[in-house]
Amino acid sequence: MLDVNLLRERPEVIRENLVRRGDTARIPVLEDAIRWDREWREGQRELDRLRHLRNIVSQEIRELKTAGRDATAKIREAAELPERIRALETRVDELQRKLRDAMLRLPNVLHESVPTGATEADNVEVRRWGTPKVPTFELKPHGELAESLGIADFERGRKAAGAGFVYLLGDLARLDAALLRFGTDFLVKRGFTPVFPPHVLRRAAYEGMVDLTAFEDVMYKIEGEDLYLIATSEHPIGAMHMDEVLDAERLPLRYAGTSTNFRKEIGAHGVDTRGLFRMHQFNKVEQFVFCRPEDSWAVHEVLQKNAEDFYRALGIPFRVVILSAGDTGKVAAKTYDLEAWFPRQNAYREVGSNSNCTDYQARRLNIRAGKIGGDKFFVHTLNNTLVATSRCMVAILENFQKADGTVAVPRVLRAYMGGVASIGRKPRAKSEARKSRPPRSKGARPRQSRKRRPR
């Protein structure tokens, strides 16, 4: 939520921001907010005046009665005040609700470095790392490859739960777990506290994190309950400190959230609908930080470095882009996307986003910092996807696929998979290994027996 003082003192900044985002349809929302705020303040002033008048009239009635004088007119005036006050209280409360609803719909103000543009095509590349793989053989689609190796079952996933769900089996299930464990360990070494959050949130908590009018269509609502399944651990971690005053000396608070996430959205073309890239259910490790306002842009770069270092450790080429004004989410002031290289698709595709939301979410959730009896300030919140395992596994299945149909496991993950170095290659039994040895040639020296040592 924006600072209401910005609405009152510099509404042109909000209007220009809507134009920059290509979101001029919300300008009437801004105009309504300006009008309702003005009427609310006028109504609040009148309400305060009437309450003060009620006190004065009550005092005057007591004085008249004490003096033995006629208080009929004042009693009549006092009898009319409660109804006027109640009616005005109802109106002021209604205006306050309308103003809050409007403010919740106005997007965050973009950082000056965000490029102009309306679509994904206007995003600006910042840098690249790694040499994109050029396959010397025809790569199999990752879904087909996973099924052929017996490590994923999309058909049974559709049968049991519908399109967009899958059974991960064997080494693919272990690879998913390895990415989660490696990602968590990776962040713990960098000072983050692991969090396993609730997988459901109440509406009030969710409204603090996202614009539900735009986001609700992709979320799963639990019927008959004031609960939604989470779409990312960013949301419950952000809501964890709602209505709290944090100790400013403890900032920044750095959390590494691990969660299973649920979204209704799913891609419309083949690589998405029969595969792992965009699923209704997926796992993720998320970076989330509460910090001082003056530190947030430096923290934004630190979170970005963490994500890039993670993909460097995996050995997956990537590029980084800044999202254009029209492609930046409503709660963010600036967002980087990290796009991994997918050789079969011959393209970079998004695997994670890094957003600085400034004080926008903290105002919605009423999260401040300071000391008891001292000044308070709204904290800044930042979130970054370290790894969404489903998309990362697609990148691994494409970048590490071999001509024989097997897939090499990135070295940093092998210890988390019990030493498995290759998915799809079955270790030979000892008896089979002995049979496969070449026969000893006639001229070969016989193996000399060792003399036993006396006991």
Protein backbone atom coordinates (compact mmCIF):
# COMPACT_ATOMS: atom_id res chain seq x y z
CA MET A 1 0.00 0.00 0.00
CA LEU A 2 1.21 3.48 -0.82
CA ASP A 3 1.76 6.15 1.83
CA VAL A 4 -1.49 8.12 2.11
CA ASN A 5 0.60 11.31 2.40
CA LEU A 6 1.79 10.70 -1.17
CA LEU A 7 -1.86 10.58 -2.24
CA ARG A 8 -2.56 13.87 -0.47
CA GLU A 9 0.58 15.82 -1.31
CA ARG A 10 1.82 14.43 -4.64
CA PRO A 11 -0.97 12.55 -6.43
CA GLU A 12 0.70 13.34 -9.75
CA VAL A 13 3.48 10.86 -8.83
CA ILE A 14 0.91 8.08 -8.54
CA ARG A 15 -0.80 9.14 -11.77
CA GLU A 16 2.51 9.19 -13.67
CA ASN A 17 3.37 5.77 -12.23
CA LEU A 18 0.10 4.32 -13.56
CA VAL A 19 0.85 5.73 -17.00
CA ARG A 20 4.40 4.35 -16.86
CA ARG A 21 3.08 0.91 -15.95
CA GLY A 22 0.54 1.03 -18.77
CA ASP A 23 -2.17 0.72 -16.12
CA THR A 24 -4.25 3.79 -16.95
CA ALA A 25 -7.44 1.79 -16.26
CA ARG A 26 -6.70 2.39 -12.56
CA ILE A 27 -6.64 6.18 -12.85
CA PRO A 28 -10.35 6.32 -11.89
CA VAL A 29 -9.39 4.31 -8.77
CA LEU A 30 -6.86 7.02 -7.96
CA GLU A 31 -9.44 9.77 -8.46
CA ASP A 32 -11.89 7.93 -6.20
CA ALA A 33 -9.19 7.53 -3.55
CA ILE A 34 -8.41 11.27 -3.63
CA ARG A 35 -12.12 12.15 -3.27
CA TRP A 36 -12.82 9.60 -0.53
CA ASP A 37 -9.75 10.69 1.43
CA ARG A 38 -10.87 14.32 1.27
CA GLU A 39 -14.43 13.43 2.32
CA TRP A 40 -13.11 11.16 5.08
CA ARG A 41 -10.95 13.91 6.54
CA GLU A 42 -13.82 16.40 6.38
CA GLY A 43 -16.18 13.88 8.00
CA GLN A 44 -13.63 13.05 10.69
CA ARG A 45 -13.21 16.74 11.52
CA GLU A 46 -16.99 17.18 11.77
CA LEU A 47 -17.25 14.03 13.89
CA ASP A 48 -14.61 15.36 16.27
CA ARG A 49 -16.49 18.69 16.44
CA LEU A 50 -19.79 16.97 17.27
CA ARG A 51 -18.22 14.80 19.97
CA HIS A 52 -16.62 17.90 21.47
CA LEU A 53 -19.98 19.72 21.26
CA ARG A 54 -21.67 16.81 23.07
CA ASN A 55 -19.24 17.21 25.95
CA ILE A 56 -19.78 20.97 26.08
CA VAL A 57 -23.58 20.66 26.03
CA SER A 58 -23.48 18.02 28.77
CA GLN A 59 -21.38 20.35 30.88
CA GLU A 60 -23.74 23.25 30.18
CA ILE A 61 -26.77 21.13 31.24
CA ARG A 62 -25.08 20.30 34.53
CA GLU A 63 -24.25 23.96 35.17
CA LEU A 64 -27.82 25.11 34.37
CA LYS A 65 -29.33 22.51 36.66
CA THR A 66 -26.88 23.37 39.43
CA ALA A 67 -27.85 27.02 39.09
CA GLY A 68 -31.55 26.11 39.13
CA ARG A 69 -32.11 27.46 35.65
CA ASP A 70 -34.13 25.98 32.73
CA ALA A 71 -32.05 23.47 30.73
CA THR A 72 -34.82 22.32 28.33
CA ALA A 73 -33.26 23.74 25.16
CA LYS A 74 -29.87 22.26 25.95
CA ILE A 75 -31.41 18.89 26.80
CA ARG A 76 -33.23 18.94 23.43
CA GLU A 77 -29.93 19.79 21.68
CA ALA A 78 -28.13 17.01 23.54
CA ALA A 79 -30.83 14.48 22.55
CA GLU A 80 -30.25 15.21 18.85
CA LEU A 81 -26.47 14.81 18.95
CA PRO A 82 -26.17 11.01 19.41
CA GLU A 83 -28.12 10.26 16.23
CA ARG A 84 -26.09 12.79 14.23
CA ILE A 85 -22.88 11.29 15.60
CA ARG A 86 -23.97 7.72 14.83
CA ALA A 87 -24.90 8.62 11.26
CA LEU A 88 -21.62 10.41 10.72
CA GLU A 89 -19.63 7.56 12.28
CA THR A 90 -21.26 5.16 9.81
CA ARG A 91 -20.38 7.45 6.92
CA VAL A 92 -16.78 7.98 8.09
CA ASP A 93 -16.27 4.22 8.54
CA GLU A 94 -17.66 3.59 5.04
CA LEU A 95 -15.35 6.20 3.53
CA GLN A 96 -12.38 4.73 5.38
CA ARG A 97 -13.20 1.24 4.03
CA LYS A 98 -13.58 2.56 0.48
CA LEU A 99 -10.30 4.47 0.76
CA ARG A 100 -8.43 1.40 1.99
CA ASP A 101 -9.87 -0.77 -0.79
CA ALA A 102 -8.80 1.80 -3.37
CA MET A 103 -5.32 2.13 -1.87
CA LEU A 104 -4.92 -1.65 -1.95
CA ARG A 105 -5.55 -1.58 -5.70
CA LEU A 106 -2.97 1.09 -6.53
CA PRO A 107 0.42 -0.43 -7.47
CA ASN A 108 3.80 0.33 -5.96
CA VAL A 109 5.81 3.23 -7.37
CA LEU A 110 8.48 1.96 -9.75
CA HIS A 111 12.17 2.60 -9.16
CA GLU A 112 13.74 5.07 -11.56
CA SER A 113 16.00 2.36 -13.04
CA VAL A 114 13.07 0.25 -14.29
CA PRO A 115 13.06 0.37 -18.12
CA THR A 116 10.15 1.83 -20.03
CA GLY A 117 7.96 -0.66 -21.82
CA ALA A 118 4.70 -2.52 -21.67
CA THR A 119 5.58 -6.17 -22.22
CA GLU A 120 8.14 -8.92 -21.66
CA ALA A 121 9.75 -7.95 -24.97
CA ASP A 122 10.80 -4.64 -23.37
CA ASN A 123 12.79 -6.29 -20.56
CA VAL A 124 16.46 -5.30 -20.55
CA GLU A 125 19.26 -7.85 -20.32
CA VAL A 126 21.85 -7.08 -17.64
CA ARG A 127 24.39 -9.92 -17.98
CA ARG A 128 24.95 -13.55 -18.90
CA TRP A 129 26.92 -16.39 -17.39
CA GLY A 130 28.09 -19.67 -18.92
CA THR A 131 28.23 -20.95 -22.46
CA PRO A 132 24.88 -22.15 -23.76
CA LYS A 133 25.02 -25.81 -24.71
CA VAL A 134 24.64 -26.67 -28.39
CA PRO A 135 23.56 -30.32 -28.47
CA THR A 136 25.29 -32.67 -30.93
CA PHE A 137 22.30 -35.03 -30.88
CA GLU A 138 18.55 -34.55 -30.80
CA LEU A 139 17.44 -33.86 -27.25
CA LYS A 140 14.30 -35.62 -26.06
CA PRO A 141 11.49 -33.52 -24.58
CA HIS A 142 12.07 -33.59 -20.84
CA GLY A 143 8.64 -35.09 -20.09
CA GLU A 144 9.16 -37.88 -22.61
CA LEU A 145 12.67 -38.48 -21.31
CA ALA A 146 11.50 -38.65 -17.70
CA GLU A 147 8.77 -41.13 -18.58
CA SER A 148 11.15 -43.30 -20.59
CA LEU A 149 13.51 -43.45 -17.60
CA GLY A 150 10.63 -44.37 -15.29
CA ILE A 151 11.16 -41.30 -13.06
CA ALA A 152 7.88 -39.45 -13.75
CA ASP A 153 4.31 -40.53 -14.38
CA PHE A 154 2.20 -37.77 -15.93
CA GLU A 155 -0.66 -40.04 -16.97
CA ARG A 156 -1.32 -41.31 -13.45
CA GLY A 157 -0.95 -37.74 -12.18
CA ARG A 158 -3.70 -36.62 -14.57
CA LYS A 159 -5.84 -39.64 -13.64
CA ALA A 160 -5.57 -39.02 -9.89
CA ALA A 161 -5.53 -35.20 -9.72
CA GLY A 162 -5.90 -33.71 -13.21
CA ALA A 163 -3.62 -31.99 -15.73
CA GLY A 164 -0.72 -30.11 -14.17
CA PHE A 165 0.04 -32.76 -11.55
CA VAL A 166 2.63 -35.55 -11.71
CA TYR A 167 4.07 -38.42 -9.72
CA LEU A 168 7.83 -37.91 -9.32
CA LEU A 169 9.50 -41.30 -8.99
CA GLY A 170 12.90 -42.69 -8.06
CA ASP A 171 15.85 -40.49 -8.92
CA LEU A 172 13.68 -37.56 -10.04
CA ALA A 173 12.02 -37.47 -6.61
CA ARG A 174 15.50 -37.62 -5.09
CA LEU A 175 16.68 -34.83 -7.40
CA ASP A 176 13.78 -32.65 -6.28
CA ALA A 177 14.66 -33.26 -2.62
CA ALA A 178 18.36 -32.68 -3.35
CA LEU A 179 17.64 -29.24 -4.82
CA LEU A 180 15.60 -28.30 -1.76
CA ARG A 181 18.25 -29.49 0.67
CA PHE A 182 21.15 -27.96 -1.25
CA GLY A 183 19.23 -24.68 -1.61
CA THR A 184 18.49 -24.51 2.12
CA ASP A 185 22.08 -25.35 3.10
CA PHE A 186 23.31 -22.80 0.55
CA LEU A 187 21.31 -20.01 2.22
CA VAL A 188 22.01 -21.09 5.80
CA LYS A 189 25.73 -20.63 5.07
CA ARG A 190 24.87 -17.06 4.02
CA GLY A 191 23.06 -16.20 7.23
CA PHE A 192 19.46 -17.13 6.45
CA THR A 193 17.10 -18.80 8.92
CA PRO A 194 15.22 -21.82 7.49
CA VAL A 195 11.42 -21.56 7.64
CA PHE A 196 8.81 -24.20 6.86
CA PRO A 197 5.67 -22.01 6.78
CA PRO A 198 1.95 -22.82 6.87
CA HIS A 199 0.66 -23.95 3.50
CA VAL A 200 -2.60 -21.99 3.95
CA LEU A 201 -3.31 -18.31 4.65
CA ARG A 202 -6.36 -16.32 5.70
CA ARG A 203 -7.66 -13.70 3.31
CA ALA A 204 -6.58 -10.76 5.49
CA ALA A 205 -3.00 -12.04 5.52
CA TYR A 206 -3.04 -12.65 1.77
CA GLU A 207 -4.38 -9.17 1.03
CA GLY A 208 -1.30 -7.80 2.74
CA MET A 209 1.00 -9.55 0.28
CA VAL A 210 -0.78 -9.35 -3.09
CA ASP A 211 -3.56 -7.61 -4.98
CA LEU A 212 -6.21 -10.29 -4.58
CA THR A 213 -8.40 -8.70 -7.26
CA ALA A 214 -5.71 -9.69 -9.78
CA PHE A 215 -4.21 -12.74 -8.06
CA GLU A 216 -7.24 -14.59 -6.71
CA ASP A 217 -8.00 -16.32 -10.02
CA VAL A 218 -4.75 -18.32 -9.88
CA MET A 219 -5.15 -19.39 -6.23
CA TYR A 220 -6.87 -22.40 -4.71
CA LYS A 221 -9.58 -21.46 -2.18
CA ILE A 222 -10.59 -23.99 0.47
CA GLU A 223 -14.36 -24.24 0.22
CA GLY A 224 -16.23 -23.13 3.32
CA GLU A 225 -13.08 -21.80 5.03
CA ASP A 226 -11.36 -18.43 5.19
CA LEU A 227 -8.22 -20.10 3.83
CA TYR A 228 -6.23 -20.18 0.59
CA LEU A 229 -3.48 -22.62 -0.39
CA ILE A 230 -0.24 -20.68 -0.72
CA ALA A 231 1.21 -19.89 -4.14
CA THR A 232 4.72 -19.30 -2.75
CA SER A 233 6.36 -19.26 0.69
CA GLU A 234 6.96 -15.54 0.19
CA HIS A 235 3.34 -14.94 1.19
CA PRO A 236 3.20 -16.71 4.59
CA ILE A 237 6.70 -15.50 5.51
CA GLY A 238 5.72 -11.90 4.75
CA ALA A 239 2.57 -12.31 6.85
CA MET A 240 4.50 -13.87 9.73
CA HIS A 241 5.18 -10.46 11.34
CA MET A 242 1.90 -8.70 10.49
CA ASP A 243 0.78 -6.13 13.09
CA GLU A 244 4.17 -6.31 14.83
CA VAL A 245 6.87 -3.82 15.75
CA LEU A 246 10.25 -5.42 15.06
CA ASP A 247 13.41 -4.64 16.98
CA ALA A 248 15.31 -2.35 14.61
CA GLU A 249 18.61 -3.63 16.03
CA ARG A 250 17.83 -7.14 14.72
CA LEU A 251 17.32 -6.05 11.11
CA PRO A 252 17.75 -7.42 8.55
CA LEU A 253 15.69 -10.57 9.18
CA ARG A 254 16.67 -13.11 6.52
CA TYR A 255 14.51 -16.17 5.94
CA ALA A 256 14.92 -19.21 3.68
CA GLY A 257 11.44 -20.56 3.05
CA THR A 258 10.83 -24.12 1.84
CA SER A 259 7.33 -24.99 0.72
CA THR A 260 5.05 -26.84 -1.64
CA ASN A 261 3.08 -24.28 -3.66
CA PHE A 262 -0.23 -24.41 -5.49
CA ARG A 263 -1.38 -22.36 -8.49
CA LYS A 264 -4.23 -22.77 -10.95
CA GLU A 265 -2.30 -21.19 -13.82
CA ILE A 266 -0.75 -23.51 -16.39
CA GLY A 267 0.82 -23.00 -19.82
CA ALA A 268 -1.09 -23.41 -23.04
CA HIS A 269 1.56 -25.02 -25.22
CA GLY A 270 3.10 -28.48 -25.25
CA VAL A 271 6.29 -27.90 -23.30
CA ASP A 272 4.21 -26.65 -20.36
CA THR A 273 1.14 -28.89 -20.44
CA ARG A 274 3.05 -32.18 -20.67
CA GLY A 275 6.03 -31.52 -18.51
CA LEU A 276 7.38 -29.97 -15.34
CA PHE A 277 8.00 -26.34 -16.33
CA ARG A 278 4.67 -24.95 -15.15
CA MET A 279 2.74 -27.09 -12.68
CA HIS A 280 -0.26 -26.67 -10.40
CA GLN A 281 1.90 -28.04 -7.56
CA PHE A 282 5.64 -27.45 -7.19
CA ASN A 283 8.35 -27.04 -4.56
CA LYS A 284 10.51 -24.01 -3.97
CA VAL A 285 13.19 -22.42 -1.78
CA GLU A 286 12.55 -18.70 -1.36
CA GLN A 287 14.69 -15.88 0.03
CA PHE A 288 12.73 -13.30 2.04
CA VAL A 289 14.15 -10.28 3.89
CA PHE A 290 12.79 -7.58 6.21
CA CYS A 291 15.23 -4.66 6.35
CA ARG A 292 15.69 -0.94 6.94
CA PRO A 293 14.53 1.31 4.05
CA GLU A 294 18.02 2.69 3.48
CA ASP A 295 19.43 -0.84 3.06
CA SER A 296 16.90 -2.40 0.70
CA TRP A 297 18.55 -1.66 -2.64
CA ALA A 298 21.86 -3.13 -1.45
CA VAL A 299 19.96 -6.17 -0.12
CA HIS A 300 18.25 -6.50 -3.51
CA GLU A 301 21.64 -6.96 -5.17
CA VAL A 302 22.77 -9.46 -2.50
CA LEU A 303 19.69 -11.62 -3.12
CA GLN A 304 20.37 -11.51 -6.83
CA LYS A 305 23.97 -12.61 -6.31
CA ASN A 306 22.78 -15.52 -4.17
CA ALA A 307 20.51 -16.77 -6.95
CA GLU A 308 23.21 -16.39 -9.59
CA ASP A 309 25.80 -18.17 -7.42
CA PHE A 310 23.33 -21.03 -6.93
CA TYR A 311 22.94 -21.60 -10.68
CA ARG A 312 26.67 -21.22 -11.19
CA ALA A 313 27.17 -24.00 -8.64
CA LEU A 314 24.80 -26.19 -10.64
CA GLY A 315 26.63 -25.37 -13.87
CA ILE A 316 23.52 -24.13 -15.71
CA PRO A 317 24.05 -21.12 -18.03
CA PHE A 318 21.75 -18.17 -17.39
CA ARG A 319 21.06 -14.53 -18.09
CA VAL A 320 19.62 -11.74 -15.92
CA VAL A 321 17.03 -9.21 -17.08
CA ILE A 322 15.33 -6.20 -15.48
CA LEU A 323 11.59 -6.33 -16.02
CA SER A 324 10.07 -3.42 -17.90
CA ALA A 325 7.55 -1.11 -16.25
CA GLY A 326 4.57 -2.92 -17.75
CA ASP A 327 5.90 -6.37 -16.86
CA THR A 328 6.70 -5.57 -13.20
CA GLY A 329 4.28 -6.96 -10.61
CA LYS A 330 1.98 -4.55 -8.80
CA VAL A 331 3.63 -4.94 -5.38
CA ALA A 332 7.22 -4.54 -6.66
CA ALA A 333 9.24 -1.40 -7.25
CA LYS A 334 11.83 -3.30 -9.30
CA THR A 335 12.30 -6.93 -10.35
CA TYR A 336 15.14 -8.96 -11.79
CA ASP A 337 14.36 -12.23 -13.56
CA LEU A 338 16.94 -14.99 -13.73
CA GLU A 339 16.48 -16.99 -16.95
CA ALA A 340 18.21 -20.35 -17.35
CA TRP A 341 19.31 -21.74 -20.72
CA PHE A 342 17.13 -24.51 -22.13
CA PRO A 343 19.03 -26.06 -25.06
CA ARG A 344 16.15 -28.07 -26.52
CA GLN A 345 14.04 -24.91 -26.68
CA ASN A 346 17.09 -22.89 -27.78
CA ALA A 347 16.01 -20.15 -25.38
CA TYR A 348 16.45 -18.58 -21.97
CA ARG A 349 13.37 -19.02 -19.79
CA GLU A 350 12.52 -17.62 -16.37
CA VAL A 351 13.39 -19.79 -13.37
CA GLY A 352 13.22 -17.15 -10.63
CA SER A 353 12.36 -13.53 -9.80
CA ASN A 354 13.92 -11.08 -7.37
CA SER A 355 11.73 -8.17 -6.23
CA ASN A 356 12.20 -5.20 -3.94
CA CYS A 357 8.71 -4.31 -2.67
CA THR A 358 9.99 -1.36 -0.58
CA ASP A 359 7.48 -0.53 2.20
CA TYR A 360 4.42 -1.44 0.08
CA GLN A 361 3.69 -4.83 1.70
CA ALA A 362 4.73 -3.66 5.17
CA ARG A 363 2.13 -0.86 5.07
CA ARG A 364 -0.57 -3.33 4.06
CA LEU A 365 0.45 -5.72 6.86
CA ASN A 366 1.30 -2.98 9.41
CA ILE A 367 4.87 -4.21 9.98
CA ARG A 368 7.06 -1.55 11.56
CA ALA A 369 10.40 -1.45 13.34
CA GLY A 370 11.83 0.70 16.10
CA LYS A 371 12.10 0.73 19.88
CA ILE A 372 9.47 0.93 22.61
CA GLY A 373 8.77 4.59 23.22
CA GLY A 374 10.80 5.63 20.18
CA ASP A 375 10.11 6.46 16.55
CA LYS A 376 8.79 3.65 14.32
CA PHE A 377 9.20 3.11 10.59
CA PHE A 378 7.76 0.72 8.05
CA VAL A 379 10.30 -1.94 7.04
CA HIS A 380 11.12 -2.86 3.45
CA THR A 381 10.41 -6.39 2.19
CA LEU A 382 12.25 -8.29 -0.54
CA ASN A 383 11.72 -11.73 -2.03
CA ASN A 384 13.76 -13.87 -4.40
CA THR A 385 13.24 -17.37 -5.75
CA LEU A 386 16.46 -19.25 -5.13
CA VAL A 387 15.10 -22.37 -6.84
CA ALA A 388 11.73 -23.57 -8.08
CA THR A 389 12.61 -27.26 -8.30
CA SER A 390 10.30 -28.21 -11.18
CA ARG A 391 11.78 -25.62 -13.55
CA CYS A 392 15.30 -26.29 -12.37
CA MET A 393 14.83 -30.02 -13.02
CA VAL A 394 13.75 -29.25 -16.58
CA ALA A 395 16.97 -27.24 -17.02
CA ILE A 396 18.98 -30.16 -15.65
CA LEU A 397 17.21 -32.73 -17.86
CA GLU A 398 17.98 -30.60 -20.93
CA ASN A 399 21.49 -29.32 -20.11
CA PHE A 400 22.84 -32.60 -18.71
CA GLN A 401 21.12 -35.04 -21.07
CA LYS A 402 23.43 -37.59 -22.75
CA ALA A 403 23.18 -39.24 -26.16
CA ASP A 404 22.47 -42.61 -24.52
CA GLY A 405 19.35 -41.20 -22.84
CA THR A 406 20.84 -40.80 -19.38
CA VAL A 407 21.19 -37.55 -17.43
CA ALA A 408 24.28 -36.51 -15.48
CA VAL A 409 23.61 -35.19 -11.96
CA PRO A 410 25.31 -31.82 -11.21
CA ARG A 411 28.28 -32.50 -8.94
CA VAL A 412 27.03 -30.32 -6.07
CA LEU A 413 23.86 -32.44 -5.83
CA ARG A 414 25.42 -35.90 -5.83
CA ALA A 415 26.12 -35.99 -2.11
CA TYR A 416 22.42 -35.25 -1.52
CA MET A 417 21.47 -38.21 -3.72
CA GLY A 418 23.61 -40.83 -2.05
CA GLY A 419 26.40 -40.50 -4.59
CA VAL A 420 24.21 -40.98 -7.67
CA ALA A 421 26.11 -39.43 -10.59
CA SER A 422 23.83 -40.38 -13.48
CA ILE A 423 20.07 -40.78 -13.76
CA GLY A 424 19.04 -43.68 -15.94
CA ARG A 425 22.25 -45.71 -15.80
CA LYS A 426 21.74 -48.75 -13.58
CA PRO A 427 24.79 -50.00 -11.65
CA ARG A 428 25.76 -53.52 -12.69
CA ALA A 429 25.61 -56.38 -10.21
CA LYS A 430 28.97 -57.89 -9.20
CA SER A 431 28.16 -61.21 -10.84
CA GLU A 432 27.35 -59.43 -14.12
CA ALA A 433 30.54 -57.40 -13.84
CA ARG A 434 32.62 -60.60 -13.47
CA LYS A 435 30.94 -62.17 -16.51
CA SER A 436 31.70 -59.12 -18.60
CA ARG A 437 35.43 -59.19 -17.91
CA PRO A 438 37.49 -60.12 -21.00
CA PRO A 439 39.12 -63.62 -20.82
CA ARG A 440 42.75 -63.75 -19.76
CA SER A 441 45.11 -64.33 -22.69
CA LYS A 442 47.18 -67.53 -22.77
CA GLY A 443 50.41 -65.67 -22.20
CA ALA A 444 49.21 -63.71 -19.20
CA ARG A 445 50.97 -64.19 -15.89
CA PRO A 446 48.93 -66.18 -13.43
CA ARG A 447 47.96 -64.23 -10.34
CA GLN A 448 50.28 -65.17 -7.48
CA SER A 449 48.65 -66.22 -4.28
CA ARG A 450 49.51 -64.27 -1.15
CA LYS A 451 51.06 -66.11 1.75
CA ARG A 452 48.98 -66.01 4.86
CA ARG A 453 50.53 -64.44 7.86
CA PRO A 454 50.70 -66.69 10.88
CA ARG A 455 48.19 -65.84 13.53
